[in-house]
Amino acid sequence: MTGCNSTRKVNYRNGHYVSAREMARIKAEERRRGGARKSKTVRTTPAGRSKVVAKRKGSAAPTRREINTVIETARSYQGTPYKYGGTTRMGMDCSGLLLASFNAIQVPIPRSSNEQALWGTPIRPQELQAGDLIFFGASPGSGTITHVGLVTDVSTEGVQFIHSSTSLGVVENSLESDYYLSRFIKAVRPRI
């Protein structure tokens, strides 16, 4: 199990690799300064003047770096035990894993898997990309969402995703396994 003193590296927004502990320290400092998620853009007005405006959250497509940060953050939790309602290395559930992972790029997401299923654009399974969210039911053919995972890789060999399993904790699995395919309900591209 990876603890809070982990030296595993995760990708932070600016492209530098830092430990999870260092990332937490940086984010706490940003919150103290009030600088988290307040990036600005310079726009030119029709009159030719420069104007500084705040960027809208969630308006632009996520960058590859942001997606990689979310995925690497999720992977840094591998081995963390399952705990219903948990969001820390002491234990986390499936939606808590996504909450913690998207927090690494300072994007707030809904807390429960059924709310997360509404947070984004529905996509077909053949459109899956790394960073997409996939949702499952508790039993084959169920239409009720009870579980969520984050797509980590899409290749000719299939789709890999990371999630927090009740029996194994945070692990990566293949979507092509009979177990997960039979329980798959939908996929969404998240609003970042």
Protein backbone atom coordinates (compact mmCIF):
# COMPACT_ATOMS: atom_id res chain seq x y z
CA MET A 1 0.00 0.00 0.00
CA THR A 2 1.22 3.48 -0.84
CA GLY A 3 1.08 5.82 2.13
CA CYS A 4 1.20 9.57 2.58
CA ASN A 5 4.99 9.43 2.73
CA SER A 6 5.11 8.00 -0.77
CA THR A 7 7.84 9.10 -3.12
CA ARG A 8 5.99 7.79 -6.18
CA LYS A 9 6.04 10.46 -8.84
CA VAL A 10 2.94 12.04 -10.32
CA ASN A 11 2.68 14.56 -13.14
CA TYR A 12 1.68 18.00 -11.97
CA ARG A 13 0.01 20.63 -14.21
CA ASN A 14 3.15 22.44 -15.25
CA GLY A 15 4.78 19.29 -16.58
CA HIS A 16 7.21 18.73 -13.71
CA TYR A 17 7.13 15.42 -11.89
CA VAL A 18 6.76 15.68 -8.14
CA SER A 19 5.76 13.34 -5.34
CA ALA A 20 2.17 13.22 -4.13
CA ARG A 21 3.32 14.74 -0.84
CA GLU A 22 4.97 17.68 -2.65
CA MET A 23 1.89 18.16 -4.84
CA ALA A 24 -0.30 18.36 -1.73
CA ARG A 25 2.04 20.98 -0.26
CA ILE A 26 1.94 23.04 -3.48
CA LYS A 27 -1.85 22.88 -3.67
CA ALA A 28 -2.22 23.89 -0.01
CA GLU A 29 0.03 26.89 -0.66
CA GLU A 30 -2.05 27.86 -3.72
CA ARG A 31 -5.23 27.68 -1.65
CA ARG A 32 -3.68 29.90 1.04
CA ARG A 33 -2.75 32.46 -1.60
CA GLY A 34 -6.12 32.13 -3.32
CA GLY A 35 -4.43 31.34 -6.62
CA ALA A 36 -5.85 27.93 -7.36
CA ARG A 37 -7.74 27.69 -10.65
CA LYS A 38 -7.66 31.46 -11.31
CA SER A 39 -5.69 31.50 -14.52
CA LYS A 40 -6.10 34.49 -16.79
CA THR A 41 -6.08 35.03 -20.52
CA VAL A 42 -5.22 38.18 -22.46
CA ARG A 43 -7.77 39.00 -25.14
CA THR A 44 -7.73 41.75 -27.73
CA THR A 45 -10.86 43.90 -27.85
CA PRO A 46 -12.38 45.02 -31.17
CA ALA A 47 -10.78 48.42 -30.51
CA GLY A 48 -7.34 46.75 -30.45
CA ARG A 49 -6.76 47.03 -26.71
CA SER A 50 -5.51 44.17 -24.56
CA LYS A 51 -7.86 42.99 -21.86
CA VAL A 52 -7.15 40.43 -19.12
CA VAL A 53 -10.07 38.08 -18.56
CA ALA A 54 -10.50 35.05 -16.34
CA LYS A 55 -10.64 31.70 -18.11
CA ARG A 56 -13.94 29.89 -17.86
CA LYS A 57 -13.71 26.61 -16.00
CA GLY A 58 -14.57 23.61 -18.13
CA SER A 59 -14.94 25.57 -21.35
CA ALA A 60 -11.96 24.23 -23.27
CA ALA A 61 -11.08 20.69 -24.19
CA PRO A 62 -8.72 19.11 -21.67
CA THR A 63 -5.08 19.10 -22.61
CA ARG A 64 -3.16 15.85 -22.92
CA ARG A 65 -1.07 16.97 -19.94
CA GLU A 66 -4.18 17.45 -17.77
CA ILE A 67 -5.50 14.02 -18.73
CA ASN A 68 -2.11 12.44 -18.03
CA THR A 69 -2.01 14.16 -14.63
CA VAL A 70 -5.44 12.75 -13.73
CA ILE A 71 -4.38 9.25 -14.84
CA GLU A 72 -1.01 9.34 -13.08
CA THR A 73 -2.64 10.62 -9.91
CA ALA A 74 -5.15 7.76 -10.02
CA ARG A 75 -2.30 5.29 -10.60
CA SER A 76 -0.45 6.70 -7.59
CA TYR A 77 -3.32 5.32 -5.47
CA GLN A 78 -2.84 1.72 -6.70
CA GLY A 79 -2.91 -0.62 -3.73
CA THR A 80 -5.06 1.71 -1.64
CA PRO A 81 -7.77 -0.38 0.06
CA TYR A 82 -11.46 0.06 -0.70
CA LYS A 83 -13.43 2.08 1.84
CA TYR A 84 -16.99 3.18 1.18
CA GLY A 85 -17.08 6.99 1.11
CA GLY A 86 -13.28 7.22 1.34
CA THR A 87 -11.17 9.72 -0.60
CA THR A 88 -7.70 9.23 0.92
CA ARG A 89 -4.81 6.77 0.85
CA MET A 90 -6.28 5.22 4.00
CA GLY A 91 -9.14 3.96 1.81
CA MET A 92 -11.36 5.09 -1.03
CA ASP A 93 -14.31 4.04 -3.10
CA CYS A 94 -14.59 4.25 -6.90
CA SER A 95 -16.05 7.76 -7.08
CA GLY A 96 -13.65 8.95 -4.37
CA LEU A 97 -10.73 7.83 -6.53
CA LEU A 98 -11.98 10.02 -9.37
CA LEU A 99 -12.66 12.91 -7.01
CA ALA A 100 -9.07 12.77 -5.73
CA SER A 101 -7.63 12.31 -9.23
CA PHE A 102 -9.45 15.25 -10.81
CA ASN A 103 -8.56 17.34 -7.77
CA ALA A 104 -4.93 17.08 -8.95
CA ILE A 105 -5.84 19.45 -11.81
CA GLN A 106 -8.16 21.42 -9.53
CA VAL A 107 -11.34 20.34 -11.31
CA PRO A 108 -14.22 19.71 -8.91
CA ILE A 109 -16.40 16.78 -9.91
CA PRO A 110 -19.60 15.33 -8.42
CA ARG A 111 -19.10 12.90 -5.52
CA SER A 112 -21.20 9.87 -6.48
CA SER A 113 -20.83 7.60 -9.51
CA ASN A 114 -24.40 8.21 -10.68
CA GLU A 115 -23.83 12.00 -10.52
CA GLN A 116 -20.47 11.61 -12.29
CA ALA A 117 -22.29 9.75 -15.09
CA LEU A 118 -24.12 13.01 -15.87
CA TRP A 119 -20.92 15.09 -15.73
CA GLY A 120 -19.78 15.05 -19.32
CA THR A 121 -20.73 14.12 -22.84
CA PRO A 122 -22.00 10.59 -23.45
CA ILE A 123 -19.81 8.68 -25.92
CA ARG A 124 -19.99 5.31 -27.63
CA PRO A 125 -17.62 2.57 -26.45
CA GLN A 126 -15.71 2.68 -29.76
CA GLU A 127 -14.94 6.38 -29.07
CA LEU A 128 -13.22 5.74 -25.73
CA GLN A 129 -9.99 7.61 -25.03
CA ALA A 130 -7.68 7.83 -22.04
CA GLY A 131 -9.33 10.08 -19.46
CA ASP A 132 -12.91 9.04 -20.23
CA LEU A 133 -15.17 7.73 -17.46
CA ILE A 134 -16.89 4.35 -17.72
CA PHE A 135 -19.85 3.23 -15.62
CA PHE A 136 -21.08 -0.16 -14.50
CA GLY A 137 -24.01 -1.84 -12.78
CA ALA A 138 -23.80 -4.27 -9.88
CA SER A 139 -24.97 -7.22 -11.96
CA PRO A 140 -24.99 -8.22 -15.65
CA GLY A 141 -27.58 -6.29 -17.63
CA SER A 142 -28.32 -3.87 -14.79
CA GLY A 143 -29.30 -0.36 -15.80
CA THR A 144 -28.50 1.19 -12.42
CA ILE A 145 -25.05 2.77 -12.12
CA THR A 146 -23.17 1.62 -9.03
CA HIS A 147 -19.53 1.80 -10.12
CA VAL A 148 -17.17 4.06 -12.10
CA GLY A 149 -13.69 3.73 -13.57
CA LEU A 150 -11.22 5.98 -15.40
CA VAL A 151 -9.91 4.86 -18.80
CA THR A 152 -6.10 4.78 -18.65
CA ASP A 153 -5.21 3.30 -22.04
CA VAL A 154 -6.87 2.40 -25.33
CA SER A 155 -4.93 0.21 -27.76
CA THR A 156 -5.42 -2.63 -30.21
CA GLU A 157 -5.22 -4.91 -27.18
CA GLY A 158 -8.25 -3.27 -25.59
CA VAL A 159 -9.30 -0.70 -23.02
CA GLN A 160 -7.62 -0.50 -19.61
CA PHE A 161 -9.22 1.36 -16.74
CA ILE A 162 -8.44 2.10 -13.11
CA HIS A 163 -11.02 1.90 -10.33
CA SER A 164 -11.46 1.03 -6.68
CA SER A 165 -12.78 -2.51 -6.39
CA THR A 166 -14.56 -3.57 -3.20
CA SER A 167 -12.39 -6.69 -2.95
CA LEU A 168 -9.03 -5.49 -4.32
CA GLY A 169 -8.93 -1.73 -3.71
CA VAL A 170 -7.46 0.51 -6.41
CA VAL A 171 -6.45 -1.61 -9.41
CA GLU A 172 -6.28 -1.47 -13.21
CA ASN A 173 -8.35 -3.93 -15.23
CA SER A 174 -9.33 -4.65 -18.81
CA LEU A 175 -12.79 -3.60 -19.97
CA GLU A 176 -12.75 -6.64 -22.26
CA SER A 177 -13.09 -9.10 -19.38
CA ASP A 178 -16.48 -10.83 -19.33
CA TYR A 179 -17.10 -9.55 -15.81
CA TYR A 180 -16.82 -5.86 -16.73
CA LEU A 181 -18.28 -6.09 -20.24
CA SER A 182 -21.46 -7.71 -18.90
CA ARG A 183 -21.89 -4.91 -16.33
CA PHE A 184 -20.92 -1.95 -18.57
CA ILE A 185 -23.67 0.70 -18.80
CA LYS A 186 -22.23 3.86 -20.36
CA ALA A 187 -19.20 6.07 -20.99
CA VAL A 188 -18.77 9.83 -20.80
CA ARG A 189 -16.07 12.29 -21.77
CA PRO A 190 -15.66 14.47 -18.65
CA ARG A 191 -16.07 18.24 -18.59
CA ILE A 192 -12.65 19.58 -17.74
